[in-house]
Amino acid sequence: MTRPITSTLKKICLTLIVTQVFSQAVLAQSTPQLNRKFAKKVTVEIKDEPIGKFLNQLAEENKVTIEIDTEALADDGYSVDETISLSLKNVSLFTVVKLAGESLEFTCLPKGNGLFITTHLAAQDALYERQYNLPWIQMLRVDSRSVAAALEQTTPGPWMTIDGEGGEFTAIGPAAYKISQDWENHQVIESILLQIESIVRGRGVTVGSPAERAIMKSLQKSVDQVEGESTITEYLDKLLASNEINFWLDRSELSNEGIASDVMLNFSAGKRPVFAHLMEALKPHGMVPYVEGEVVKITTSLAAEASTVTRVYDVRKQVRQVGSTVAVIDVLQKTAGTGPWFGVEMEGGEVGEVGPLIIIEHNRQAHQVIQEALK
């Protein structure tokens, strides 16, 4: 099966998640982990700085290793002289490096005790093996093979069984797998399994990291705004930075859509939540904000639609109402605002089932509608 949204494109939009230790999971020696030094909080303020120079200075100042894959970058037509601009306060060193790379459509992954900056294609080729134990399988009364199938369906991949290349599952018992996949996919797999375990053990699922929840809370704060006009950077500085909300302007995607990085925004007066002000100013220009990690990302509507997250939903109540998990999925796929779906239109969101739970990979807007539909 060939997916219309390629694994590479989906990987570009993929949210990197700082590694957590999956309970009862054994991490293979070959799987890279994020050095704790990269959790250190830092503040950066740079404009049109060569990425190579900036990352070297960052590494020296914080006594960490940041290696740049100059050969892979050169093969893609990039150099360490490409310039970036960042304005971030009190965020992790990892977030700074990640966003620096994303500014030029690069990615980063752990290597040894440091970080490795490379292209998405090169990162996709670096497969690591990790063992996952699934002690909750008996509680859900499902076969481990169904879990593997659901994970393959709802992670960016690529997977050998679907795409003819990429990662693979190797069963090592009725409730354990060794999974070969790249580092970014391992982060998504880990997140899914943590969500499943949390539901099974009666803790429910809390959407987003603590940092993301803190930003969402700040975005709901009501503020007064005076009618006016300003450049997007000036507006974001005034609305977000002044309220201690970090933001990142996706200049690459804006440029691809012909949106100037200094585009003028018009905004009206009134007292509303920060997020409402933000949406009103950005929407006429085909831009949207969304929370990812420690920042509010400002990108194009098209890029936001392609950026997916994977969430697990407990649909036991709905199953009792309509008879089966498949029936619940069918209702969701027919609910306005949740599409498109790959299983229906051959593009869009993916869905997998693990007993009475469903795993959905989709964009953030669709997830909002899905959450409301399942209440």
Protein backbone atom coordinates (compact mmCIF):
# COMPACT_ATOMS: atom_id res chain seq x y z
CA MET A 1 0.00 0.00 0.00
CA THR A 2 1.45 3.38 -1.02
CA ARG A 3 0.43 6.32 1.12
CA PRO A 4 -0.24 9.67 -0.63
CA ILE A 5 1.38 11.55 2.25
CA THR A 6 4.86 10.07 1.99
CA SER A 7 6.71 8.84 5.01
CA THR A 8 9.34 11.51 4.36
CA LEU A 9 6.82 14.38 4.36
CA LYS A 10 5.07 13.03 7.43
CA LYS A 11 8.44 12.69 9.12
CA ILE A 12 9.23 16.35 8.39
CA CYS A 13 6.10 17.37 10.28
CA LEU A 14 6.49 14.90 13.07
CA THR A 15 6.55 16.09 16.60
CA LEU A 16 9.87 15.05 18.39
CA ILE A 17 9.18 13.92 21.92
CA VAL A 18 11.88 13.96 24.60
CA THR A 19 12.60 10.34 25.56
CA GLN A 20 10.80 9.00 28.58
CA VAL A 21 11.49 5.59 30.08
CA PHE A 22 8.64 3.29 29.13
CA SER A 23 7.61 1.36 32.23
CA GLN A 24 8.74 -2.24 32.20
CA ALA A 25 10.38 -1.78 28.79
CA VAL A 26 13.97 -2.80 28.22
CA LEU A 27 15.95 -0.41 26.04
CA ALA A 28 18.44 -2.09 23.71
CA GLN A 29 22.01 -0.82 23.76
CA SER A 30 21.78 0.26 20.13
CA THR A 31 18.87 2.66 20.72
CA PRO A 32 20.06 6.26 21.22
CA GLN A 33 18.70 8.22 24.15
CA LEU A 34 18.63 11.96 24.68
CA ASN A 35 21.45 13.22 26.91
CA ARG A 36 20.01 14.83 30.04
CA LYS A 37 22.25 17.83 29.49
CA PHE A 38 19.92 18.84 26.68
CA ALA A 39 17.11 19.39 29.22
CA LYS A 40 18.98 22.46 30.50
CA LYS A 41 16.95 25.67 30.12
CA VAL A 42 18.52 28.35 27.94
CA THR A 43 17.63 31.63 26.25
CA VAL A 44 18.70 32.52 22.71
CA GLU A 45 18.28 35.64 20.60
CA ILE A 46 19.79 35.46 17.11
CA LYS A 47 18.94 36.95 13.71
CA ASP A 48 20.25 35.70 10.37
CA GLU A 49 23.01 33.67 12.00
CA PRO A 50 24.77 30.86 10.04
CA ILE A 51 23.48 27.60 11.53
CA GLY A 52 26.94 26.05 11.70
CA LYS A 53 28.38 28.96 13.65
CA PHE A 54 25.36 29.13 15.96
CA LEU A 55 25.36 25.41 16.81
CA ASN A 56 29.11 25.38 17.42
CA GLN A 57 28.82 28.32 19.83
CA LEU A 58 25.82 26.69 21.53
CA ALA A 59 27.79 23.47 22.01
CA GLU A 60 30.82 25.26 23.43
CA GLU A 61 28.81 27.44 25.82
CA ASN A 62 26.83 24.49 27.19
CA LYS A 63 29.62 21.88 27.04
CA VAL A 64 27.66 19.47 24.84
CA THR A 65 28.32 17.76 21.53
CA ILE A 66 26.32 18.85 18.48
CA GLU A 67 27.50 17.20 15.27
CA ILE A 68 26.38 18.36 11.83
CA ASP A 69 26.11 15.87 8.97
CA THR A 70 27.68 18.24 6.43
CA GLU A 71 27.91 15.54 3.75
CA ALA A 72 24.18 14.69 3.84
CA LEU A 73 23.26 18.36 3.98
CA ALA A 74 25.50 19.11 1.00
CA ASP A 75 23.87 16.27 -0.97
CA ASP A 76 20.55 18.07 -0.43
CA GLY A 77 22.01 21.41 -1.49
CA TYR A 78 22.43 22.90 2.00
CA SER A 79 25.49 24.23 3.81
CA VAL A 80 26.38 25.25 7.35
CA ASP A 81 26.33 28.84 6.12
CA GLU A 82 22.53 28.78 5.76
CA THR A 83 21.15 31.40 8.17
CA ILE A 84 18.48 31.07 10.86
CA SER A 85 16.69 33.39 13.30
CA LEU A 86 15.54 32.32 16.78
CA SER A 87 14.10 34.15 19.77
CA LEU A 88 13.41 31.77 22.65
CA LYS A 89 13.36 32.27 26.41
CA ASN A 90 13.80 29.60 29.08
CA VAL A 91 13.37 26.56 26.85
CA SER A 92 15.34 23.33 26.81
CA LEU A 93 18.59 23.15 24.89
CA PHE A 94 17.03 20.29 22.91
CA THR A 95 14.16 22.53 21.76
CA VAL A 96 16.64 25.17 20.61
CA VAL A 97 18.64 22.67 18.55
CA LYS A 98 15.49 21.05 17.16
CA LEU A 99 13.98 24.35 16.04
CA ALA A 100 17.29 25.52 14.63
CA GLY A 101 17.29 22.41 12.45
CA GLU A 102 13.62 22.72 11.52
CA SER A 103 14.25 26.28 10.36
CA LEU A 104 16.11 24.75 7.43
CA GLU A 105 14.08 21.50 7.22
CA PHE A 106 16.77 19.44 8.97
CA THR A 107 16.19 17.03 11.82
CA CYS A 108 18.19 15.95 14.85
CA LEU A 109 18.61 12.69 16.73
CA PRO A 110 20.73 11.49 19.65
CA LYS A 111 24.19 10.18 18.82
CA GLY A 112 26.51 9.09 21.60
CA ASN A 113 26.27 11.75 24.30
CA GLY A 114 25.22 14.47 21.89
CA LEU A 115 22.92 15.40 19.03
CA PHE A 116 23.34 14.75 15.33
CA ILE A 117 21.92 17.23 12.79
CA THR A 118 21.12 15.62 9.45
CA THR A 119 18.53 15.40 6.68
CA HIS A 120 15.22 13.63 7.18
CA LEU A 121 16.11 10.99 4.59
CA ALA A 122 19.39 10.20 6.33
CA ALA A 123 17.66 10.01 9.73
CA GLN A 124 15.04 7.68 8.27
CA ASP A 125 17.77 5.25 7.20
CA ALA A 126 19.21 5.02 10.73
CA LEU A 127 17.27 2.13 12.28
CA TYR A 128 17.61 1.13 15.94
CA GLU A 129 16.31 -1.93 17.76
CA ARG A 130 14.34 -1.61 20.97
CA GLN A 131 12.48 -4.15 23.06
CA TYR A 132 8.99 -3.36 24.34
CA ASN A 133 7.13 -5.43 26.94
CA LEU A 134 3.34 -5.14 26.87
CA PRO A 135 2.08 -6.39 30.27
CA TRP A 136 -1.38 -4.93 29.68
CA ILE A 137 -2.18 -7.17 26.69
CA GLN A 138 -3.93 -9.76 28.86
CA MET A 139 -6.04 -7.06 30.50
CA LEU A 140 -7.27 -5.96 27.05
CA ARG A 141 -7.62 -9.54 25.83
CA VAL A 142 -5.95 -8.79 22.52
CA ASP A 143 -3.28 -10.52 20.50
CA SER A 144 0.13 -8.84 20.29
CA ARG A 145 -0.12 -9.10 16.51
CA SER A 146 -3.11 -6.75 16.52
CA VAL A 147 -1.03 -4.25 18.50
CA ALA A 148 1.75 -4.48 15.90
CA ALA A 149 -0.74 -3.95 13.07
CA ALA A 150 -2.26 -0.89 14.80
CA LEU A 151 1.17 0.64 15.44
CA GLU A 152 2.23 0.13 11.85
CA GLN A 153 -0.97 1.80 10.69
CA THR A 154 -0.75 4.87 12.94
CA THR A 155 2.94 5.79 12.99
CA PRO A 156 4.82 7.64 10.25
CA GLY A 157 6.92 4.63 9.24
CA PRO A 158 7.90 3.47 6.73
CA TRP A 159 7.25 -0.17 7.62
CA MET A 160 8.42 -3.22 5.75
CA THR A 161 4.97 -4.83 5.73
CA ILE A 162 3.27 -1.70 4.35
CA ASP A 163 5.88 0.17 2.32
CA GLY A 164 8.29 -2.65 1.45
CA GLU A 165 11.05 -0.90 3.41
CA GLY A 166 11.76 0.50 6.85
CA GLY A 167 11.00 -0.85 10.30
CA GLU A 168 9.96 -4.33 11.41
CA PHE A 169 8.43 -6.11 14.39
CA THR A 170 9.91 -9.30 15.82
CA ALA A 171 7.79 -11.15 18.37
CA ILE A 172 9.81 -12.47 21.31
CA GLY A 173 6.88 -13.73 23.37
CA PRO A 174 3.09 -13.39 23.74
CA ALA A 175 3.48 -9.89 25.22
CA ALA A 176 6.80 -8.57 23.96
CA TYR A 177 8.31 -7.24 20.75
CA LYS A 178 11.63 -6.14 19.40
CA ILE A 179 11.03 -3.23 17.05
CA SER A 180 13.51 -1.98 14.48
CA GLN A 181 12.74 1.61 13.50
CA ASP A 182 14.26 5.08 13.39
CA TRP A 183 14.52 7.25 16.51
CA GLU A 184 11.60 9.56 15.72
CA ASN A 185 9.24 6.63 15.17
CA HIS A 186 10.36 5.05 18.44
CA GLN A 187 9.24 8.24 20.23
CA VAL A 188 5.77 7.94 18.68
CA ILE A 189 5.55 4.22 19.50
CA GLU A 190 6.55 4.91 23.08
CA SER A 191 3.94 7.65 23.41
CA ILE A 192 1.19 5.37 22.06
CA LEU A 193 2.08 2.52 24.40
CA LEU A 194 2.22 4.85 27.39
CA GLN A 195 -1.24 6.17 26.51
CA ILE A 196 -2.62 2.63 26.20
CA GLU A 197 -1.11 1.54 29.50
CA SER A 198 -2.45 4.65 31.25
CA ILE A 199 -5.99 3.92 30.01
CA VAL A 200 -5.81 0.23 30.88
CA ARG A 201 -4.63 0.98 34.41
CA GLY A 202 -7.49 3.44 34.95
CA ARG A 203 -5.46 6.64 34.87
CA GLY A 204 -6.97 8.00 31.67
CA VAL A 205 -4.89 9.96 29.17
CA THR A 206 -3.60 13.48 29.61
CA VAL A 207 -3.13 15.09 26.20
CA GLY A 208 0.18 16.83 25.65
CA SER A 209 3.31 17.27 27.73
CA PRO A 210 3.37 19.47 30.87
CA ALA A 211 4.96 22.24 28.78
CA GLU A 212 2.21 22.01 26.16
CA ARG A 213 -0.52 22.10 28.80
CA ALA A 214 1.07 25.18 30.39
CA ILE A 215 1.11 26.97 27.04
CA MET A 216 -2.52 26.03 26.34
CA LYS A 217 -3.48 27.50 29.69
CA SER A 218 -1.64 30.73 28.87
CA LEU A 219 -3.35 30.91 25.48
CA GLN A 220 -6.76 30.89 27.20
CA LYS A 221 -5.89 33.98 29.22
CA SER A 222 -8.06 36.97 28.25
CA VAL A 223 -6.16 40.11 27.23
CA ASP A 224 -7.11 43.54 25.90
CA GLN A 225 -5.99 44.42 22.41
CA VAL A 226 -6.06 47.78 20.64
CA GLU A 227 -6.99 47.85 16.97
CA GLY A 228 -4.04 48.26 14.68
CA GLU A 229 -1.59 46.90 12.11
CA SER A 230 1.95 45.59 12.42
CA THR A 231 4.38 43.05 11.00
CA ILE A 232 3.82 39.46 12.11
CA THR A 233 7.00 39.43 14.22
CA GLU A 234 6.04 42.64 16.01
CA TYR A 235 2.54 41.31 16.63
CA LEU A 236 3.74 37.96 17.97
CA ASP A 237 6.27 39.69 20.21
CA LYS A 238 3.55 41.87 21.67
CA LEU A 239 0.84 39.24 22.01
CA LEU A 240 2.84 36.12 22.87
CA ALA A 241 6.34 37.01 24.04
CA SER A 242 5.00 39.69 26.37
CA ASN A 243 2.83 36.99 27.97
CA GLU A 244 5.89 34.70 28.33
CA ILE A 245 4.75 32.39 25.53
CA ASN A 246 7.53 31.26 23.21
CA PHE A 247 6.75 31.11 19.52
CA TRP A 248 8.48 29.85 16.38
CA LEU A 249 7.75 31.23 12.94
CA ASP A 250 7.96 28.57 10.24
CA ARG A 251 9.66 30.84 7.71
CA SER A 252 10.42 27.98 5.33
CA GLU A 253 6.77 26.96 4.93
CA LEU A 254 5.63 30.59 4.77
CA SER A 255 8.09 31.18 1.95
CA ASN A 256 6.88 28.07 0.11
CA GLU A 257 3.36 29.52 0.14
CA GLY A 258 4.49 32.99 -0.90
CA ILE A 259 3.86 34.52 2.53
CA ALA A 260 6.46 37.16 3.43
CA SER A 261 8.19 36.71 6.78
CA ASP A 262 7.38 40.36 7.51
CA VAL A 263 3.75 40.16 6.36
CA MET A 264 1.51 42.88 7.81
CA LEU A 265 -1.32 41.74 10.11
CA ASN A 266 -4.50 43.63 10.92
CA PHE A 267 -6.08 43.11 14.33
CA SER A 268 -9.22 44.40 15.99
CA ALA A 269 -9.81 45.79 19.46
CA GLY A 270 -11.40 43.86 22.29
CA LYS A 271 -10.80 41.57 25.23
CA ARG A 272 -10.56 37.93 24.24
CA PRO A 273 -8.36 34.89 24.91
CA VAL A 274 -4.85 35.18 23.48
CA PHE A 275 -5.57 32.27 21.13
CA ALA A 276 -8.69 33.97 19.73
CA HIS A 277 -6.71 37.15 18.98
CA LEU A 278 -4.03 35.06 17.33
CA MET A 279 -6.41 33.11 15.10
CA GLU A 280 -8.22 36.28 14.00
CA ALA A 281 -4.96 37.93 12.88
CA LEU A 282 -3.41 34.88 11.19
CA LYS A 283 -6.35 33.19 9.44
CA PRO A 284 -6.84 35.79 6.65
CA HIS A 285 -3.25 35.10 5.54
CA GLY A 286 -3.60 31.31 5.46
CA MET A 287 -1.65 30.79 8.67
CA VAL A 288 -2.49 28.88 11.83
CA PRO A 289 -0.91 28.44 15.27
CA TYR A 290 -0.54 25.17 17.14
CA VAL A 291 1.24 24.13 20.31
CA GLU A 292 4.15 21.73 19.98
CA GLY A 293 6.60 21.06 22.77
CA GLU A 294 7.68 24.31 24.39
CA VAL A 295 6.50 26.71 21.67
CA VAL A 296 3.54 27.94 19.67
CA LYS A 297 4.36 27.17 16.06
CA ILE A 298 3.10 29.58 13.41
CA THR A 299 2.88 27.91 10.01
CA THR A 300 0.68 27.67 6.93
CA SER A 301 -2.72 25.98 6.96
CA LEU A 302 -1.42 23.35 4.53
CA ALA A 303 1.61 22.54 6.69
CA ALA A 304 -0.59 22.28 9.79
CA GLU A 305 -2.90 19.83 8.02
CA ALA A 306 0.09 17.66 7.10
CA SER A 307 1.47 17.77 10.66
CA THR A 308 0.01 14.80 12.49
CA VAL A 309 -0.10 13.59 16.08
CA THR A 310 -1.15 10.16 17.32
CA ARG A 311 -3.59 9.75 20.19
CA VAL A 312 -5.32 6.83 21.85
CA TYR A 313 -9.04 6.93 22.64
CA ASP A 314 -10.99 4.73 25.03
CA VAL A 315 -14.23 3.94 23.22
CA ARG A 316 -15.67 1.27 25.53
CA LYS A 317 -18.72 3.44 26.24
CA GLN A 318 -19.34 4.00 22.53
CA VAL A 319 -18.85 0.29 21.80
CA ARG A 320 -21.66 -0.52 24.24
CA GLN A 321 -23.86 1.93 22.33
CA VAL A 322 -23.14 0.88 18.73
CA GLY A 323 -21.94 -2.71 19.16
CA SER A 324 -18.28 -2.81 18.11
CA THR A 325 -15.04 -0.87 17.75
CA VAL A 326 -15.39 -1.06 13.97
CA ALA A 327 -18.82 0.55 14.22
CA VAL A 328 -17.40 3.38 16.35
CA ILE A 329 -14.68 3.99 13.76
CA ASP A 330 -17.30 4.04 11.02
CA VAL A 331 -19.33 6.68 12.89
CA LEU A 332 -16.24 8.82 13.45
CA GLN A 333 -15.20 8.63 9.82
CA LYS A 334 -18.66 9.84 8.81
CA THR A 335 -18.63 12.71 11.31
CA ALA A 336 -18.21 16.09 9.63
CA GLY A 337 -14.84 17.70 10.25
CA THR A 338 -12.89 14.55 11.08
CA GLY A 339 -11.74 13.74 7.56
CA PRO A 340 -10.17 13.00 5.28
CA TRP A 341 -9.42 9.38 6.19
CA PHE A 342 -6.95 7.14 4.43
CA GLY A 343 -9.29 4.17 4.74
CA VAL A 344 -12.06 6.11 2.97
CA GLU A 345 -10.52 8.73 0.67
CA MET A 346 -7.06 7.11 0.37
CA GLU A 347 -5.52 10.14 2.07
CA GLY A 348 -5.56 11.74 5.50
CA GLY A 349 -5.91 10.22 8.94
CA GLU A 350 -5.10 6.65 9.88
CA VAL A 351 -6.87 4.58 12.51
CA GLY A 352 -6.04 1.30 14.22
CA GLU A 353 -7.82 -0.70 16.91
CA VAL A 354 -6.51 -2.46 19.99
CA GLY A 355 -9.49 -4.17 21.54
CA PRO A 356 -11.85 -1.46 22.86
CA LEU A 357 -9.28 1.28 22.20
CA ILE A 358 -8.63 3.11 18.96
CA ILE A 359 -5.39 4.76 17.89
CA ILE A 360 -5.73 7.72 15.55
CA GLU A 361 -3.00 9.52 13.64
CA HIS A 362 -4.43 12.78 12.30
CA ASN A 363 -3.91 16.53 12.28
CA ARG A 364 -4.75 18.60 15.36
CA GLN A 365 -7.94 20.09 13.96
CA ALA A 366 -9.39 16.65 13.28
CA HIS A 367 -8.44 15.49 16.80
CA GLN A 368 -10.40 18.41 18.28
CA VAL A 369 -13.54 17.31 16.41
CA ILE A 370 -12.93 13.65 17.35
CA GLN A 371 -12.61 14.52 21.04
CA GLU A 372 -15.91 16.38 20.95
CA ALA A 373 -17.63 13.56 19.08
CA LEU A 374 -16.54 11.00 21.67
CA LYS A 375 -17.74 12.97 24.71
